[in-house]
N, C-alpha and C. Protein backbone atom coordinates (compact mmCIF):
# COMPACT_ATOMS: atom_id res chain seq x y z
N UNK A 1 -25.83 -28.18 -1.09
CA UNK A 1 -26.16 -26.82 -0.80
C UNK A 1 -24.93 -25.96 -1.09
N UNK A 2 -25.09 -24.80 -1.80
CA UNK A 2 -23.93 -23.98 -2.14
C UNK A 2 -23.34 -23.34 -0.88
N UNK A 3 -22.03 -23.12 -0.94
CA UNK A 3 -21.32 -22.50 0.18
C UNK A 3 -21.72 -21.04 0.31
N UNK A 4 -21.80 -20.58 1.52
CA UNK A 4 -22.11 -19.18 1.78
C UNK A 4 -20.84 -18.36 1.56
N UNK A 5 -20.92 -17.31 0.72
CA UNK A 5 -19.71 -16.50 0.51
C UNK A 5 -19.30 -15.82 1.81
N UNK A 6 -17.99 -15.74 2.02
CA UNK A 6 -17.46 -15.09 3.22
C UNK A 6 -17.09 -13.66 2.92
N UNK A 7 -17.24 -12.82 3.94
CA UNK A 7 -16.75 -11.46 3.81
C UNK A 7 -15.23 -11.52 3.69
N UNK A 8 -14.62 -10.53 3.02
CA UNK A 8 -13.17 -10.58 2.86
C UNK A 8 -12.41 -10.54 4.17
N UNK A 9 -13.03 -10.02 5.24
CA UNK A 9 -12.33 -9.93 6.52
C UNK A 9 -12.73 -11.06 7.47
N UNK A 10 -13.57 -12.00 7.00
CA UNK A 10 -14.00 -13.10 7.86
C UNK A 10 -12.86 -14.09 8.06
N UNK A 11 -12.68 -14.57 9.29
CA UNK A 11 -11.58 -15.53 9.53
C UNK A 11 -11.90 -16.86 8.87
N UNK A 12 -10.87 -17.53 8.44
CA UNK A 12 -11.03 -18.87 7.88
C UNK A 12 -10.22 -19.83 8.72
N UNK A 13 -10.65 -21.06 8.73
CA UNK A 13 -9.94 -22.09 9.49
C UNK A 13 -8.75 -22.60 8.68
N UNK A 14 -7.60 -22.79 9.30
CA UNK A 14 -6.48 -23.39 8.58
C UNK A 14 -6.81 -24.85 8.27
N UNK A 15 -6.15 -25.40 7.25
CA UNK A 15 -6.38 -26.79 6.85
C UNK A 15 -6.11 -27.73 8.02
N UNK A 16 -5.11 -27.46 8.80
CA UNK A 16 -4.73 -28.27 9.95
C UNK A 16 -5.00 -27.43 11.20
N UNK A 17 -5.76 -27.97 12.14
CA UNK A 17 -6.13 -27.22 13.34
C UNK A 17 -4.93 -26.79 14.16
N UNK A 18 -3.78 -27.43 13.94
CA UNK A 18 -2.59 -27.10 14.71
C UNK A 18 -1.61 -26.23 13.93
N UNK A 19 -1.99 -25.83 12.75
CA UNK A 19 -1.14 -24.97 11.92
C UNK A 19 -1.67 -23.54 12.03
N UNK A 20 -0.80 -22.60 12.41
CA UNK A 20 -1.28 -21.22 12.52
C UNK A 20 -1.67 -20.66 11.15
N UNK A 21 -2.63 -19.75 11.12
CA UNK A 21 -3.02 -19.17 9.84
C UNK A 21 -1.87 -18.33 9.27
N UNK A 22 -1.86 -18.19 7.98
CA UNK A 22 -0.83 -17.41 7.31
C UNK A 22 -1.09 -15.92 7.53
N UNK A 23 -0.10 -15.22 8.05
CA UNK A 23 -0.23 -13.78 8.26
C UNK A 23 -0.43 -13.06 6.93
N UNK A 24 0.22 -13.55 5.88
CA UNK A 24 0.08 -12.93 4.56
C UNK A 24 -1.35 -13.07 4.04
N UNK A 25 -1.94 -14.25 4.20
CA UNK A 25 -3.32 -14.46 3.76
C UNK A 25 -4.28 -13.61 4.58
N UNK A 26 -4.06 -13.55 5.87
CA UNK A 26 -4.91 -12.74 6.73
C UNK A 26 -4.83 -11.26 6.34
N UNK A 27 -3.61 -10.78 6.05
CA UNK A 27 -3.45 -9.38 5.64
C UNK A 27 -4.15 -9.12 4.32
N UNK A 28 -4.07 -10.05 3.39
CA UNK A 28 -4.75 -9.88 2.10
C UNK A 28 -6.25 -9.78 2.29
N UNK A 29 -6.81 -10.58 3.17
CA UNK A 29 -8.26 -10.52 3.42
C UNK A 29 -8.64 -9.19 4.06
N UNK A 30 -7.73 -8.61 4.85
CA UNK A 30 -8.04 -7.35 5.54
C UNK A 30 -7.90 -6.13 4.64
N UNK A 31 -7.24 -6.26 3.50
CA UNK A 31 -6.93 -5.08 2.68
C UNK A 31 -8.18 -4.29 2.34
N UNK A 32 -9.13 -4.91 1.68
CA UNK A 32 -10.33 -4.17 1.27
C UNK A 32 -11.21 -3.84 2.46
N UNK A 33 -11.27 -4.72 3.43
CA UNK A 33 -12.02 -4.41 4.64
C UNK A 33 -11.43 -3.17 5.31
N UNK A 34 -10.11 -3.04 5.27
CA UNK A 34 -9.44 -1.88 5.86
C UNK A 34 -9.81 -0.60 5.12
N UNK A 35 -9.79 -0.64 3.81
CA UNK A 35 -10.15 0.54 3.02
C UNK A 35 -11.58 0.98 3.34
N UNK A 36 -12.50 0.02 3.35
CA UNK A 36 -13.89 0.36 3.60
C UNK A 36 -14.13 0.81 5.04
N UNK A 37 -13.43 0.23 5.98
CA UNK A 37 -13.60 0.63 7.38
C UNK A 37 -13.26 2.11 7.56
N UNK A 38 -12.10 2.51 7.07
CA UNK A 38 -11.68 3.90 7.25
C UNK A 38 -12.59 4.83 6.43
N UNK A 39 -12.97 4.42 5.23
CA UNK A 39 -13.87 5.24 4.42
C UNK A 39 -15.19 5.47 5.13
N UNK A 40 -15.75 4.43 5.71
CA UNK A 40 -17.03 4.57 6.41
C UNK A 40 -16.91 5.41 7.67
N UNK A 41 -15.81 5.27 8.39
CA UNK A 41 -15.68 5.96 9.67
C UNK A 41 -15.11 7.37 9.57
N UNK A 42 -14.26 7.63 8.57
CA UNK A 42 -13.55 8.91 8.53
C UNK A 42 -13.61 9.61 7.18
N UNK A 43 -14.40 9.09 6.25
CA UNK A 43 -14.57 9.74 4.95
C UNK A 43 -16.00 9.59 4.47
N UNK A 44 -16.94 9.69 5.40
CA UNK A 44 -18.35 9.47 5.09
C UNK A 44 -19.03 10.70 4.50
N UNK A 45 -18.53 11.89 4.82
CA UNK A 45 -19.17 13.11 4.33
C UNK A 45 -18.32 13.74 3.23
N UNK A 46 -18.93 14.64 2.48
CA UNK A 46 -18.19 15.34 1.43
C UNK A 46 -16.99 16.10 2.01
N UNK A 47 -17.20 16.76 3.13
CA UNK A 47 -16.10 17.52 3.75
C UNK A 47 -14.97 16.59 4.17
N UNK A 48 -15.29 15.44 4.73
CA UNK A 48 -14.25 14.49 5.13
C UNK A 48 -13.51 13.95 3.90
N UNK A 49 -14.22 13.67 2.82
CA UNK A 49 -13.57 13.13 1.62
C UNK A 49 -12.71 14.18 0.93
N UNK A 50 -13.06 15.45 1.06
CA UNK A 50 -12.24 16.51 0.44
C UNK A 50 -10.87 16.62 1.08
N UNK A 51 -10.65 15.97 2.23
CA UNK A 51 -9.32 15.96 2.84
C UNK A 51 -8.37 15.08 2.03
N UNK A 52 -8.90 14.31 1.10
CA UNK A 52 -8.12 13.32 0.36
C UNK A 52 -7.87 13.78 -1.07
N UNK A 53 -6.92 13.12 -1.71
CA UNK A 53 -6.60 13.41 -3.10
C UNK A 53 -7.70 12.88 -4.01
N UNK A 54 -8.21 11.69 -3.71
CA UNK A 54 -9.27 11.05 -4.50
C UNK A 54 -10.55 11.03 -3.66
N UNK A 55 -11.36 12.09 -3.74
CA UNK A 55 -12.51 12.18 -2.84
C UNK A 55 -13.54 11.06 -3.00
N UNK A 56 -13.61 10.41 -4.16
CA UNK A 56 -14.60 9.36 -4.37
C UNK A 56 -14.26 8.06 -3.69
N UNK A 57 -12.99 7.72 -3.62
CA UNK A 57 -12.55 6.45 -3.02
C UNK A 57 -11.16 6.63 -2.47
N UNK A 58 -10.97 6.21 -1.25
CA UNK A 58 -9.66 6.34 -0.62
C UNK A 58 -8.70 5.31 -1.18
N UNK A 59 -7.52 5.74 -1.54
CA UNK A 59 -6.44 4.85 -1.93
C UNK A 59 -5.72 4.41 -0.66
N UNK A 60 -4.99 3.29 -0.71
CA UNK A 60 -4.30 2.83 0.49
C UNK A 60 -3.42 3.89 1.15
N UNK A 61 -2.63 4.62 0.35
CA UNK A 61 -1.76 5.63 0.97
C UNK A 61 -2.57 6.75 1.62
N UNK A 62 -3.76 7.02 1.09
CA UNK A 62 -4.60 8.05 1.68
C UNK A 62 -5.18 7.59 3.03
N UNK A 63 -5.54 6.32 3.11
CA UNK A 63 -6.02 5.78 4.38
C UNK A 63 -4.94 5.90 5.44
N UNK A 64 -3.73 5.51 5.08
CA UNK A 64 -2.61 5.58 6.02
C UNK A 64 -2.38 7.02 6.45
N UNK A 65 -2.38 7.92 5.48
CA UNK A 65 -2.18 9.35 5.78
C UNK A 65 -3.30 9.88 6.65
N UNK A 66 -4.56 9.56 6.33
CA UNK A 66 -5.69 10.06 7.08
C UNK A 66 -5.64 9.61 8.54
N UNK A 67 -5.42 8.32 8.75
CA UNK A 67 -5.35 7.82 10.13
C UNK A 67 -4.18 8.48 10.86
N UNK A 68 -3.03 8.60 10.20
CA UNK A 68 -1.87 9.26 10.83
C UNK A 68 -2.17 10.71 11.17
N UNK A 69 -2.81 11.43 10.24
CA UNK A 69 -3.13 12.84 10.48
C UNK A 69 -4.14 13.00 11.61
N UNK A 70 -5.16 12.14 11.64
CA UNK A 70 -6.14 12.22 12.72
C UNK A 70 -5.51 11.91 14.07
N UNK A 71 -4.62 10.91 14.10
CA UNK A 71 -3.94 10.56 15.36
C UNK A 71 -3.02 11.67 15.84
N UNK A 72 -2.32 12.32 14.89
CA UNK A 72 -1.34 13.33 15.27
C UNK A 72 -1.95 14.70 15.51
N UNK A 73 -3.19 14.91 15.08
CA UNK A 73 -3.81 16.22 15.20
C UNK A 73 -3.61 17.09 13.98
N UNK A 74 -2.91 16.59 12.94
CA UNK A 74 -2.72 17.37 11.72
C UNK A 74 -4.03 17.54 10.97
N UNK A 75 -4.97 16.62 11.14
CA UNK A 75 -6.34 16.75 10.63
C UNK A 75 -7.25 16.66 11.84
N UNK A 76 -8.29 17.48 11.85
CA UNK A 76 -9.20 17.49 12.98
C UNK A 76 -10.47 16.74 12.63
N UNK A 77 -10.95 15.91 13.54
CA UNK A 77 -12.20 15.20 13.28
C UNK A 77 -13.37 16.19 13.28
N UNK A 78 -14.38 15.86 12.50
CA UNK A 78 -15.59 16.68 12.48
C UNK A 78 -16.47 16.30 13.66
N UNK A 79 -17.42 17.17 13.98
CA UNK A 79 -18.37 16.87 15.04
C UNK A 79 -19.10 15.58 14.70
N UNK A 80 -19.14 14.66 15.64
CA UNK A 80 -19.84 13.40 15.44
C UNK A 80 -19.02 12.32 14.77
N UNK A 81 -17.81 12.65 14.29
CA UNK A 81 -16.96 11.65 13.65
C UNK A 81 -16.37 10.74 14.72
N UNK A 82 -16.33 9.45 14.41
CA UNK A 82 -15.78 8.49 15.36
C UNK A 82 -14.32 8.80 15.65
N UNK A 83 -13.90 8.55 16.88
CA UNK A 83 -12.50 8.71 17.26
C UNK A 83 -11.70 7.55 16.65
N UNK A 84 -10.48 7.81 16.23
CA UNK A 84 -9.62 6.74 15.70
C UNK A 84 -9.36 5.75 16.82
N UNK A 85 -9.66 4.47 16.54
CA UNK A 85 -9.46 3.44 17.56
C UNK A 85 -8.39 2.45 17.11
N UNK A 86 -8.15 1.44 17.93
CA UNK A 86 -7.12 0.44 17.63
C UNK A 86 -7.41 -0.30 16.32
N UNK A 87 -8.67 -0.59 16.05
CA UNK A 87 -9.02 -1.28 14.80
C UNK A 87 -8.72 -0.40 13.59
N UNK A 88 -8.94 0.92 13.71
CA UNK A 88 -8.59 1.84 12.62
C UNK A 88 -7.08 1.81 12.38
N UNK A 89 -6.32 1.82 13.46
CA UNK A 89 -4.86 1.79 13.34
C UNK A 89 -4.43 0.47 12.69
N UNK A 90 -5.03 -0.65 13.12
CA UNK A 90 -4.72 -1.95 12.52
C UNK A 90 -5.08 -1.95 11.04
N UNK A 91 -6.22 -1.36 10.70
CA UNK A 91 -6.64 -1.28 9.29
C UNK A 91 -5.60 -0.51 8.48
N UNK A 92 -5.13 0.63 9.01
CA UNK A 92 -4.13 1.42 8.30
C UNK A 92 -2.82 0.65 8.17
N UNK A 93 -2.40 -0.01 9.24
CA UNK A 93 -1.17 -0.80 9.19
C UNK A 93 -1.28 -1.94 8.17
N UNK A 94 -2.46 -2.51 8.04
CA UNK A 94 -2.68 -3.60 7.08
C UNK A 94 -2.45 -3.14 5.64
N UNK A 95 -2.62 -1.85 5.39
CA UNK A 95 -2.49 -1.32 4.04
C UNK A 95 -1.07 -0.86 3.71
N UNK A 96 -0.18 -0.79 4.69
CA UNK A 96 1.19 -0.33 4.45
C UNK A 96 1.89 -1.15 3.37
N UNK A 97 1.84 -2.50 3.41
CA UNK A 97 2.51 -3.26 2.34
C UNK A 97 1.96 -2.95 0.95
N UNK A 98 0.65 -2.75 0.85
CA UNK A 98 0.05 -2.43 -0.45
C UNK A 98 0.52 -1.07 -0.94
N UNK A 99 0.53 -0.08 -0.05
CA UNK A 99 0.99 1.26 -0.42
C UNK A 99 2.47 1.24 -0.79
N UNK A 100 3.27 0.46 -0.04
CA UNK A 100 4.69 0.35 -0.35
C UNK A 100 4.90 -0.29 -1.73
N UNK A 101 4.12 -1.32 -2.04
CA UNK A 101 4.23 -1.98 -3.34
C UNK A 101 3.86 -1.02 -4.47
N UNK A 102 2.83 -0.20 -4.24
CA UNK A 102 2.45 0.79 -5.26
C UNK A 102 3.57 1.80 -5.49
N UNK A 103 4.21 2.25 -4.39
CA UNK A 103 5.32 3.19 -4.53
C UNK A 103 6.51 2.54 -5.24
N UNK A 104 6.77 1.27 -4.92
CA UNK A 104 7.85 0.54 -5.60
C UNK A 104 7.59 0.48 -7.11
N UNK A 105 6.35 0.20 -7.49
CA UNK A 105 6.01 0.15 -8.92
C UNK A 105 6.20 1.51 -9.58
N UNK A 106 5.75 2.57 -8.90
CA UNK A 106 5.92 3.91 -9.45
C UNK A 106 7.40 4.26 -9.60
N UNK A 107 8.19 3.97 -8.57
CA UNK A 107 9.62 4.28 -8.62
C UNK A 107 10.32 3.48 -9.71
N UNK A 108 10.01 2.18 -9.81
CA UNK A 108 10.63 1.35 -10.85
C UNK A 108 10.29 1.87 -12.23
N UNK A 109 9.05 2.25 -12.43
CA UNK A 109 8.64 2.81 -13.72
C UNK A 109 9.33 4.12 -14.02
N UNK A 110 9.42 4.98 -13.02
CA UNK A 110 10.09 6.27 -13.19
C UNK A 110 11.57 6.09 -13.52
N UNK A 111 12.23 5.16 -12.84
CA UNK A 111 13.64 4.90 -13.13
C UNK A 111 13.82 4.34 -14.53
N UNK A 112 12.95 3.44 -14.93
CA UNK A 112 13.02 2.87 -16.29
C UNK A 112 12.82 3.97 -17.33
N UNK A 113 11.85 4.85 -17.09
CA UNK A 113 11.60 5.95 -18.04
C UNK A 113 12.76 6.95 -18.04
N UNK A 114 13.36 7.20 -16.87
CA UNK A 114 14.51 8.11 -16.81
C UNK A 114 15.65 7.56 -17.66
N UNK A 115 15.92 6.26 -17.53
CA UNK A 115 16.97 5.65 -18.36
C UNK A 115 16.59 5.73 -19.83
N UNK A 116 15.31 5.51 -20.13
CA UNK A 116 14.85 5.59 -21.52
C UNK A 116 14.96 6.99 -22.10
N UNK A 117 14.95 7.99 -21.25
CA UNK A 117 15.11 9.38 -21.69
C UNK A 117 16.56 9.82 -21.69
N UNK A 118 17.47 8.86 -21.44
CA UNK A 118 18.90 9.17 -21.54
C UNK A 118 19.57 9.62 -20.27
N UNK A 119 18.88 9.57 -19.14
CA UNK A 119 19.53 9.96 -17.89
C UNK A 119 20.58 8.93 -17.53
N UNK A 120 21.69 9.40 -17.00
CA UNK A 120 22.78 8.52 -16.59
C UNK A 120 22.55 8.06 -15.16
N UNK A 121 23.26 6.98 -14.77
CA UNK A 121 23.15 6.51 -13.39
C UNK A 121 23.64 7.56 -12.40
N UNK A 122 24.70 8.33 -12.70
CA UNK A 122 25.09 9.41 -11.76
C UNK A 122 23.97 10.44 -11.58
N UNK A 123 23.27 10.80 -12.66
CA UNK A 123 22.16 11.76 -12.55
C UNK A 123 21.02 11.17 -11.71
N UNK A 124 20.71 9.91 -11.95
CA UNK A 124 19.64 9.25 -11.21
C UNK A 124 20.02 9.12 -9.74
N UNK A 125 21.28 8.76 -9.46
CA UNK A 125 21.74 8.66 -8.08
C UNK A 125 21.57 10.00 -7.36
N UNK A 126 21.92 11.09 -8.05
CA UNK A 126 21.77 12.42 -7.48
C UNK A 126 20.30 12.68 -7.15
N UNK A 127 19.40 12.38 -8.10
CA UNK A 127 17.96 12.60 -7.89
C UNK A 127 17.41 11.79 -6.73
N UNK A 128 17.92 10.60 -6.53
CA UNK A 128 17.46 9.73 -5.44
C UNK A 128 18.16 10.03 -4.12
N UNK A 129 19.20 10.85 -4.18
CA UNK A 129 19.95 11.14 -2.96
C UNK A 129 20.88 10.00 -2.57
N UNK A 130 21.31 9.21 -3.55
CA UNK A 130 22.22 8.09 -3.29
C UNK A 130 23.65 8.52 -3.57
N UNK A 131 24.59 7.86 -2.91
CA UNK A 131 25.99 8.27 -2.98
C UNK A 131 26.67 7.87 -4.29
N UNK A 132 26.24 6.76 -4.90
CA UNK A 132 26.97 6.28 -6.07
C UNK A 132 26.00 5.85 -7.18
N UNK A 133 26.47 5.90 -8.41
CA UNK A 133 25.67 5.38 -9.52
C UNK A 133 25.37 3.88 -9.33
N UNK A 134 26.31 3.15 -8.76
CA UNK A 134 26.10 1.73 -8.53
C UNK A 134 24.91 1.51 -7.58
N UNK A 135 24.80 2.34 -6.57
CA UNK A 135 23.68 2.22 -5.63
C UNK A 135 22.35 2.46 -6.33
N UNK A 136 22.31 3.42 -7.25
CA UNK A 136 21.09 3.69 -8.02
C UNK A 136 20.74 2.51 -8.91
N UNK A 137 21.73 1.97 -9.58
CA UNK A 137 21.51 0.81 -10.46
C UNK A 137 21.02 -0.39 -9.66
N UNK A 138 21.63 -0.62 -8.50
CA UNK A 138 21.22 -1.74 -7.65
C UNK A 138 19.81 -1.54 -7.12
N UNK A 139 19.48 -0.31 -6.78
CA UNK A 139 18.11 -0.02 -6.32
C UNK A 139 17.11 -0.33 -7.42
N UNK A 140 17.41 0.09 -8.63
CA UNK A 140 16.54 -0.18 -9.77
C UNK A 140 16.35 -1.69 -9.96
N UNK A 141 17.44 -2.43 -9.88
CA UNK A 141 17.36 -3.89 -10.04
C UNK A 141 16.51 -4.53 -8.94
N UNK A 142 16.68 -4.05 -7.70
CA UNK A 142 15.87 -4.58 -6.59
C UNK A 142 14.39 -4.27 -6.79
N UNK A 143 14.09 -3.05 -7.21
CA UNK A 143 12.70 -2.67 -7.44
C UNK A 143 12.10 -3.52 -8.56
N UNK A 144 12.87 -3.72 -9.62
CA UNK A 144 12.35 -4.55 -10.71
C UNK A 144 12.09 -5.97 -10.26
N UNK A 145 12.97 -6.52 -9.42
CA UNK A 145 12.77 -7.89 -8.97
C UNK A 145 11.56 -8.00 -8.03
N UNK A 146 11.27 -6.92 -7.27
CA UNK A 146 10.11 -6.95 -6.36
C UNK A 146 8.80 -6.70 -7.09
N UNK A 147 8.83 -5.95 -8.17
CA UNK A 147 7.59 -5.56 -8.84
C UNK A 147 7.27 -6.39 -10.06
N UNK A 148 8.21 -7.21 -10.51
CA UNK A 148 7.99 -8.03 -11.71
C UNK A 148 6.94 -9.09 -11.42
N UNK A 149 5.86 -9.14 -12.21
CA UNK A 149 4.79 -10.10 -11.95
C UNK A 149 5.14 -11.54 -12.31
N UNK A 150 6.22 -11.76 -13.03
CA UNK A 150 6.58 -13.12 -13.44
C UNK A 150 7.08 -13.91 -12.24
N UNK A 151 6.82 -15.23 -12.19
CA UNK A 151 7.32 -16.04 -11.07
C UNK A 151 8.83 -15.91 -10.94
N UNK A 152 9.29 -15.77 -9.72
CA UNK A 152 10.73 -15.66 -9.48
C UNK A 152 11.26 -14.28 -9.76
N UNK A 153 10.39 -13.33 -10.14
CA UNK A 153 10.82 -11.96 -10.36
C UNK A 153 11.50 -11.72 -11.68
N UNK A 154 11.61 -12.71 -12.55
CA UNK A 154 12.26 -12.50 -13.83
C UNK A 154 11.36 -12.83 -14.99
N UNK A 155 11.52 -12.10 -16.07
CA UNK A 155 10.72 -12.35 -17.26
C UNK A 155 11.49 -13.17 -18.27
N UNK A 156 12.77 -13.33 -18.03
CA UNK A 156 13.61 -14.01 -19.01
C UNK A 156 14.19 -13.04 -20.01
N UNK A 157 13.64 -11.82 -20.04
CA UNK A 157 14.15 -10.81 -20.97
C UNK A 157 15.33 -10.09 -20.34
N UNK A 158 16.24 -9.67 -21.15
CA UNK A 158 17.39 -8.91 -20.67
C UNK A 158 16.90 -7.52 -20.28
N UNK A 159 17.46 -6.98 -19.24
CA UNK A 159 17.10 -5.61 -18.80
C UNK A 159 18.15 -4.66 -19.27
C-alpha cells in the first residue's frame, strides 16, 4: 500500500526513539506552513494583502513584517481578522532564517556587482557603514561562503 503523503508541517518520528528531532529539519517543514498560516489568517482579503509589497503571495520578510506590525500596532487588524497568537509568532520566527538568507544573497550579489562596476573597498565600506575596507572585504567573503550553493561553500573558482 502506498505511503500517505504528509503535510509539510506534520511531525515525523526520528529514526531512533531516543534521538531528539533535528531543529533544522523541523524548521524546514514549518517554512511553507508558516507562510500559508499567516496568509490565511492575516492576508485573506484584498485590503489585507494590499498592506504587502507582493499582494498575491506573501514573501518570508513580509510575513515577519506583517506579524511584527500587527503586534506593535503599526498595522491595525480589520474587523473580524484573527488576533495574532503564539502560533503566528512562531510561524514568523520560523521564517527569519529564510529571510536572512535571502538578504545575504541580495547583499552578496550587490557587493559583487559593485566590485564589477569598479567600486573600491573603501567606497563599499562607506556604503555599508563599516570602519575599514578590510571589514567590507571580509564581510563579502563571509556572505559568499554562506550563500555559495557548492558543498563546503566553495566552488573551486578564484574570487
